[in-house]
């Protein structure tokens, strides 16, 4: 079982890591910084759902079908 001091040090490290990635969130600090950091690392962005990506892919498909015809 971790002591309060060990938990404090772990939370401070997580807070420092979060602030190095996103300094403007300093005013939104929470004691649950470890959980937030873990959630942030696990988030993955699916760029294939982006509207600009879809538009570009459709344009490329059109160009390929024109060149194959």
PDB file of N, CA and C in Angstrom:
ATOM      1  N   UNK A   1       0.837  -1.180   0.000  1.00  0.00           N
ATOM      2  CA  UNK A   1       0.000   0.000   0.000  1.00  0.00           C
ATOM      3  C   UNK A   1       0.881   1.242   0.000  1.00  0.00           C
ATOM      4  N   UNK A   2       0.528   2.172  -0.878  1.00  0.00           N
ATOM      5  CA  UNK A   2       1.331   3.386  -1.001  1.00  0.00           C
ATOM      6  C   UNK A   2       1.013   4.365   0.125  1.00  0.00           C
ATOM      7  N   UNK A   3       2.065   5.064   0.522  1.00  0.00           N
ATOM      8  CA  UNK A   3       1.854   6.096   1.531  1.00  0.00           C
ATOM      9  C   UNK A   3       1.283   7.336   0.854  1.00  0.00           C
ATOM     10  N   UNK A   4       0.807   8.247   1.663  1.00  0.00           N
ATOM     11  CA  UNK A   4       0.264   9.501   1.119  1.00  0.00           C
ATOM     12  C   UNK A   4       1.349  10.252   0.357  1.00  0.00           C
ATOM     13  N   UNK A   5       2.565  10.239   0.872  1.00  0.00           N
ATOM     14  CA  UNK A   5       3.663  10.942   0.211  1.00  0.00           C
ATOM     15  C   UNK A   5       3.953  10.321  -1.159  1.00  0.00           C
ATOM     16  N   UNK A   6       3.936   8.994  -1.254  1.00  0.00           N
ATOM     17  CA  UNK A   6       4.170   8.329  -2.543  1.00  0.00           C
ATOM     18  C   UNK A   6       3.070   8.683  -3.543  1.00  0.00           C
ATOM     19  N   UNK A   7       1.822   8.710  -3.071  1.00  0.00           N
ATOM     20  CA  UNK A   7       0.713   9.096  -3.940  1.00  0.00           C
ATOM     21  C   UNK A   7       0.857  10.542  -4.401  1.00  0.00           C
ATOM     22  N   UNK A   8       1.290  11.421  -3.488  1.00  0.00           N
ATOM     23  CA  UNK A   8       1.493  12.824  -3.815  1.00  0.00           C
ATOM     24  C   UNK A   8       2.573  12.982  -4.888  1.00  0.00           C
ATOM     25  N   UNK A   9       3.676  12.272  -4.732  1.00  0.00           N
ATOM     26  CA  UNK A   9       4.766  12.353  -5.703  1.00  0.00           C
ATOM     27  C   UNK A   9       4.323  11.834  -7.070  1.00  0.00           C
ATOM     28  N   UNK A  10       3.552  10.758  -7.076  1.00  0.00           N
ATOM     29  CA  UNK A  10       3.040  10.198  -8.325  1.00  0.00           C
ATOM     30  C   UNK A  10       2.098  11.188  -9.012  1.00  0.00           C
ATOM     31  N   UNK A  11       1.228  11.824  -8.247  1.00  0.00           N
ATOM     32  CA  UNK A  11       0.299  12.814  -8.804  1.00  0.00           C
ATOM     33  C   UNK A  11       1.053  14.035  -9.322  1.00  0.00           C
ATOM     34  N   UNK A  12       2.090  14.462  -8.601  1.00  0.00           N
ATOM     35  CA  UNK A  12       2.878  15.611  -9.064  1.00  0.00           C
ATOM     36  C   UNK A  12       3.593  15.302 -10.370  1.00  0.00           C
ATOM     37  N   UNK A  13       4.108  14.088 -10.506  1.00  0.00           N
ATOM     38  CA  UNK A  13       4.770  13.709 -11.752  1.00  0.00           C
ATOM     39  C   UNK A  13       3.769  13.699 -12.894  1.00  0.00           C
ATOM     40  N   UNK A  14       2.594  13.139 -12.656  1.00  0.00           N
ATOM     41  CA  UNK A  14       1.566  13.102 -13.692  1.00  0.00           C
ATOM     42  C   UNK A  14       1.156  14.520 -14.080  1.00  0.00           C
ATOM     43  N   UNK A  15       1.031  15.394 -13.095  1.00  0.00           N
ATOM     44  CA  UNK A  15       0.653  16.791 -13.370  1.00  0.00           C
ATOM     45  C   UNK A  15       1.722  17.458 -14.223  1.00  0.00           C
ATOM     46  N   UNK A  16       2.982  17.234 -13.892  1.00  0.00           N
ATOM     47  CA  UNK A  16       4.077  17.809 -14.669  1.00  0.00           C
ATOM     48  C   UNK A  16       4.050  17.289 -16.106  1.00  0.00           C
ATOM     49  N   UNK A  17       3.789  15.994 -16.284  1.00  0.00           N
ATOM     50  CA  UNK A  17       3.715  15.410 -17.615  1.00  0.00           C
ATOM     51  C   UNK A  17       2.556  16.012 -18.415  1.00  0.00           C
ATOM     52  N   UNK A  18       1.411  16.172 -17.762  1.00  0.00           N
ATOM     53  CA  UNK A  18       0.252  16.757 -18.432  1.00  0.00           C
ATOM     54  C   UNK A  18       0.556  18.190 -18.858  1.00  0.00           C
ATOM     55  N   UNK A  19       1.158  18.959 -17.957  1.00  0.00           N
ATOM     56  CA  UNK A  19       1.457  20.360 -18.270  1.00  0.00           C
ATOM     57  C   UNK A  19       2.500  20.497 -19.361  1.00  0.00           C
ATOM     58  N   UNK A  20       3.403  19.552 -19.483  1.00  0.00           N
ATOM     59  CA  UNK A  20       4.390  19.638 -20.553  1.00  0.00           C
ATOM     60  C   UNK A  20       3.726  19.442 -21.909  1.00  0.00           C
ATOM     61  N   UNK A  21       2.645  18.653 -21.955  1.00  0.00           N
ATOM     62  CA  UNK A  21       1.910  18.448 -23.205  1.00  0.00           C
ATOM     63  C   UNK A  21       0.934  19.580 -23.496  1.00  0.00           C
ATOM     64  N   UNK A  22       0.342  20.142 -22.455  1.00  0.00           N
ATOM     65  CA  UNK A  22      -0.754  21.090 -22.633  1.00  0.00           C
ATOM     66  C   UNK A  22      -0.684  22.147 -21.521  1.00  0.00           C
ATOM     67  N   UNK A  23       0.196  23.148 -21.633  1.00  0.00           N
ATOM     68  CA  UNK A  23       0.436  24.086 -20.530  1.00  0.00           C
ATOM     69  C   UNK A  23      -0.770  24.936 -20.127  1.00  0.00           C
ATOM     70  N   UNK A  24      -1.718  25.159 -21.035  1.00  0.00           N
ATOM     71  CA  UNK A  24      -2.837  26.039 -20.707  1.00  0.00           C
ATOM     72  C   UNK A  24      -3.845  25.412 -19.747  1.00  0.00           C
ATOM     73  N   UNK A  25      -3.691  24.136 -19.424  1.00  0.00           N
ATOM     74  CA  UNK A  25      -4.641  23.505 -18.501  1.00  0.00           C
ATOM     75  C   UNK A  25      -4.230  23.645 -17.049  1.00  0.00           C
ATOM     76  N   UNK A  26      -3.218  24.451 -16.786  1.00  0.00           N
ATOM     77  CA  UNK A  26      -2.729  24.594 -15.410  1.00  0.00           C
ATOM     78  C   UNK A  26      -3.844  24.975 -14.443  1.00  0.00           C
ATOM     79  N   UNK A  27      -4.790  25.783 -14.878  1.00  0.00           N
ATOM     80  CA  UNK A  27      -5.866  26.207 -13.977  1.00  0.00           C
ATOM     81  C   UNK A  27      -6.909  25.110 -13.770  1.00  0.00           C
ATOM     82  N   UNK A  28      -6.833  24.025 -14.555  1.00  0.00           N
ATOM     83  CA  UNK A  28      -7.805  22.947 -14.453  1.00  0.00           C
ATOM     84  C   UNK A  28      -7.226  21.725 -13.747  1.00  0.00           C
ATOM     85  N   UNK A  29      -6.195  21.898 -12.935  1.00  0.00           N
ATOM     86  CA  UNK A  29      -5.529  20.777 -12.291  1.00  0.00           C
ATOM     87  C   UNK A  29      -6.473  20.080 -11.330  1.00  0.00           C
ATOM     88  N   UNK A  30      -6.313  18.785 -11.231  1.00  0.00           N
ATOM     89  CA  UNK A  30      -7.139  17.976 -10.342  1.00  0.00           C
ATOM     90  C   UNK A  30      -6.255  16.966  -9.605  1.00  0.00           C
ATOM     91  N   UNK A  31      -6.651  16.549  -8.425  1.00  0.00           N
ATOM     92  CA  UNK A  31      -5.873  15.529  -7.720  1.00  0.00           C
ATOM     93  C   UNK A  31      -5.857  14.187  -8.460  1.00  0.00           C
ATOM     94  N   UNK A  32      -6.735  14.017  -9.439  1.00  0.00           N
ATOM     95  CA  UNK A  32      -6.823  12.760 -10.178  1.00  0.00           C
ATOM     96  C   UNK A  32      -5.992  12.818 -11.470  1.00  0.00           C
ATOM     97  N   UNK A  33      -4.850  13.466 -11.397  1.00  0.00           N
ATOM     98  CA  UNK A  33      -4.030  13.684 -12.579  1.00  0.00           C
ATOM     99  C   UNK A  33      -3.528  12.378 -13.202  1.00  0.00           C
ATOM    100  N   UNK A  34      -3.279  11.361 -12.393  1.00  0.00           N
ATOM    101  CA  UNK A  34      -2.778  10.088 -12.916  1.00  0.00           C
ATOM    102  C   UNK A  34      -3.813   9.454 -13.849  1.00  0.00           C
ATOM    103  N   UNK A  35      -5.081   9.438 -13.443  1.00  0.00           N
ATOM    104  CA  UNK A  35      -6.136   8.857 -14.269  1.00  0.00           C
ATOM    105  C   UNK A  35      -6.310   9.660 -15.566  1.00  0.00           C
ATOM    106  N   UNK A  36      -6.254  10.975 -15.469  1.00  0.00           N
ATOM    107  CA  UNK A  36      -6.412  11.817 -16.659  1.00  0.00           C
ATOM    108  C   UNK A  36      -5.279  11.563 -17.639  1.00  0.00           C
ATOM    109  N   UNK A  37      -4.064  11.445 -17.137  1.00  0.00           N
ATOM    110  CA  UNK A  37      -2.911  11.196 -18.008  1.00  0.00           C
ATOM    111  C   UNK A  37      -3.044   9.842 -18.698  1.00  0.00           C
ATOM    112  N   UNK A  38      -3.497   8.827 -17.977  1.00  0.00           N
ATOM    113  CA  UNK A  38      -3.674   7.498 -18.566  1.00  0.00           C
ATOM    114  C   UNK A  38      -4.757   7.534 -19.637  1.00  0.00           C
ATOM    115  N   UNK A  39      -5.841   8.250 -19.389  1.00  0.00           N
ATOM    116  CA  UNK A  39      -6.922   8.351 -20.365  1.00  0.00           C
ATOM    117  C   UNK A  39      -6.453   9.101 -21.603  1.00  0.00           C
ATOM    118  N   UNK A  40      -5.660  10.131 -21.399  1.00  0.00           N
ATOM    119  CA  UNK A  40      -5.154  10.928 -22.528  1.00  0.00           C
ATOM    120  C   UNK A  40      -4.248  10.082 -23.424  1.00  0.00           C
ATOM    121  N   UNK A  41      -3.423   9.230 -22.811  1.00  0.00           N
ATOM    122  CA  UNK A  41      -2.525   8.380 -23.591  1.00  0.00           C
ATOM    123  C   UNK A  41      -3.288   7.308 -24.362  1.00  0.00           C
ATOM    124  N   UNK A  42      -4.432   6.878 -23.836  1.00  0.00           N
ATOM    125  CA  UNK A  42      -5.175   5.800 -24.478  1.00  0.00           C
ATOM    126  C   UNK A  42      -6.096   6.281 -25.591  1.00  0.00           C
ATOM    127  N   UNK A  43      -6.300   7.589 -25.699  1.00  0.00           N
ATOM    128  CA  UNK A  43      -7.184   8.116 -26.742  1.00  0.00           C
ATOM    129  C   UNK A  43      -6.501   8.000 -28.099  1.00  0.00           C
ATOM    130  N   UNK A  44      -7.247   7.497 -29.057  1.00  0.00           N
ATOM    131  CA  UNK A  44      -6.733   7.390 -30.416  1.00  0.00           C
ATOM    132  C   UNK A  44      -7.686   8.129 -31.336  1.00  0.00           C
ATOM    133  N   UNK A  45      -7.127   8.840 -32.279  1.00  0.00           N
ATOM    134  CA  UNK A  45      -7.936   9.623 -33.203  1.00  0.00           C
ATOM    135  C   UNK A  45      -8.048   8.859 -34.518  1.00  0.00           C
ATOM    136  N   UNK A  46      -9.266   8.706 -34.995  1.00  0.00           N
ATOM    137  CA  UNK A  46      -9.512   8.037 -36.269  1.00  0.00           C
ATOM    138  C   UNK A  46      -9.642   9.105 -37.357  1.00  0.00           C
ATOM    139  N   UNK A  47      -8.539   9.359 -38.037  1.00  0.00           N
ATOM    140  CA  UNK A  47      -8.538  10.403 -39.049  1.00  0.00           C
ATOM    141  C   UNK A  47      -9.363  10.029 -40.273  1.00  0.00           C
ATOM    142  N   UNK A  48      -9.691   8.750 -40.442  1.00  0.00           N
ATOM    143  CA  UNK A  48     -10.495   8.356 -41.600  1.00  0.00           C
ATOM    144  C   UNK A  48     -11.928   8.850 -41.491  1.00  0.00           C
ATOM    145  N   UNK A  49     -12.337   9.323 -40.316  1.00  0.00           N
ATOM    146  CA  UNK A  49     -13.680   9.860 -40.136  1.00  0.00           C
ATOM    147  C   UNK A  49     -13.723  11.376 -40.363  1.00  0.00           C
ATOM    148  N   UNK A  50     -12.580  11.985 -40.591  1.00  0.00           N
ATOM    149  CA  UNK A  50     -12.495  13.427 -40.806  1.00  0.00           C
ATOM    150  C   UNK A  50     -13.073  13.790 -42.173  1.00  0.00           C
ATOM    151  N   UNK A  51     -13.884  14.841 -42.235  1.00  0.00           N
ATOM    152  CA  UNK A  51     -14.557  15.209 -43.480  1.00  0.00           C
ATOM    153  C   UNK A  51     -13.568  15.595 -44.579  1.00  0.00           C
ATOM    154  N   UNK A  52     -12.485  16.255 -44.232  1.00  0.00           N
ATOM    155  CA  UNK A  52     -11.487  16.638 -45.234  1.00  0.00           C
ATOM    156  C   UNK A  52     -10.782  15.396 -45.789  1.00  0.00           C
ATOM    157  N   UNK A  53     -10.489  14.439 -44.943  1.00  0.00           N
ATOM    158  CA  UNK A  53      -9.873  13.180 -45.375  1.00  0.00           C
ATOM    159  C   UNK A  53     -10.800  12.450 -46.347  1.00  0.00           C
ATOM    160  N   UNK A  54     -12.077  12.395 -46.012  1.00  0.00           N
ATOM    161  CA  UNK A  54     -13.055  11.712 -46.870  1.00  0.00           C
ATOM    162  C   UNK A  54     -13.157  12.420 -48.217  1.00  0.00           C
ATOM    163  N   UNK A  55     -13.176  13.754 -48.208  1.00  0.00           N
ATOM    164  CA  UNK A  55     -13.265  14.517 -49.460  1.00  0.00           C
ATOM    165  C   UNK A  55     -12.048  14.241 -50.349  1.00  0.00           C
ATOM    166  N   UNK A  56     -10.869  14.242 -49.769  1.00  0.00           N
ATOM    167  CA  UNK A  56      -9.647  14.001 -50.538  1.00  0.00           C
ATOM    168  C   UNK A  56      -9.649  12.588 -51.118  1.00  0.00           C
ATOM    169  N   UNK A  57     -10.062  11.604 -50.323  1.00  0.00           N
ATOM    170  CA  UNK A  57     -10.106  10.223 -50.809  1.00  0.00           C
ATOM    171  C   UNK A  57     -11.081  10.080 -51.967  1.00  0.00           C
ATOM    172  N   UNK A  58     -12.226  10.741 -51.895  1.00  0.00           N
ATOM    173  CA  UNK A  58     -13.203  10.676 -52.987  1.00  0.00           C
ATOM    174  C   UNK A  58     -12.644  11.312 -54.239  1.00  0.00           C
ATOM    175  N   UNK A  59     -11.923  12.442 -54.094  1.00  0.00           N
ATOM    176  CA  UNK A  59     -11.303  13.084 -55.254  1.00  0.00           C
ATOM    177  C   UNK A  59     -10.271  12.161 -55.888  1.00  0.00           C
ATOM    178  N   UNK A  60      -9.480  11.489 -55.067  1.00  0.00           N
ATOM    179  CA  UNK A  60      -8.467  10.570 -55.589  1.00  0.00           C
ATOM    180  C   UNK A  60      -9.115   9.384 -56.299  1.00  0.00           C
ATOM    181  N   UNK A  61     -10.223   8.877 -55.754  1.00  0.00           N
ATOM    182  CA  UNK A  61     -10.938   7.772 -56.402  1.00  0.00           C
ATOM    183  C   UNK A  61     -11.477   8.199 -57.756  1.00  0.00           C
ATOM    184  N   UNK A  62     -12.017   9.420 -57.840  1.00  0.00           N
ATOM    185  CA  UNK A  62     -12.524   9.937 -59.108  1.00  0.00           C
ATOM    186  C   UNK A  62     -11.406  10.051 -60.131  1.00  0.00           C
ATOM    187  N   UNK A  63     -10.262  10.577 -59.680  1.00  0.00           N
ATOM    188  CA  UNK A  63      -9.121  10.733 -60.577  1.00  0.00           C
ATOM    189  C   UNK A  63      -8.604   9.393 -61.068  1.00  0.00           C
ATOM    190  N   UNK A  64      -8.582   8.404 -60.190  1.00  0.00           N
ATOM    191  CA  UNK A  64      -8.124   7.071 -60.583  1.00  0.00           C
ATOM    192  C   UNK A  64      -9.088   6.429 -61.578  1.00  0.00           C
ATOM    193  N   UNK A  65     -10.383   6.606 -61.358  1.00  0.00           N
ATOM    194  CA  UNK A  65     -11.359   6.005 -62.277  1.00  0.00           C
ATOM    195  C   UNK A  65     -11.311   6.696 -63.623  1.00  0.00           C
ATOM    196  N   UNK A  66     -11.043   7.984 -63.679  1.00  0.00           N
ATOM    197  CA  UNK A  66     -10.916   8.709 -64.959  1.00  0.00           C
ATOM    198  C   UNK A  66      -9.675   8.250 -65.716  1.00  0.00           C
ATOM    199  N   UNK A  67      -8.584   8.026 -64.972  1.00  0.00           N
ATOM    200  CA  UNK A  67      -7.343   7.623 -65.635  1.00  0.00           C
ATOM    201  C   UNK A  67      -7.407   6.167 -66.105  1.00  0.00           C
ATOM    202  N   UNK A  68      -8.223   5.337 -65.466  1.00  0.00           N
ATOM    203  CA  UNK A  68      -8.379   3.948 -65.865  1.00  0.00           C
ATOM    204  C   UNK A  68      -9.360   3.783 -67.014  1.00  0.00           C
ATOM    205  N   UNK A  69     -10.173   4.783 -67.276  1.00  0.00           N
ATOM    206  CA  UNK A  69     -11.189   4.681 -68.335  1.00  0.00           C
ATOM    207  C   UNK A  69     -10.650   4.993 -69.697  1.00  0.00           C
TER     208      UNK A  69
END
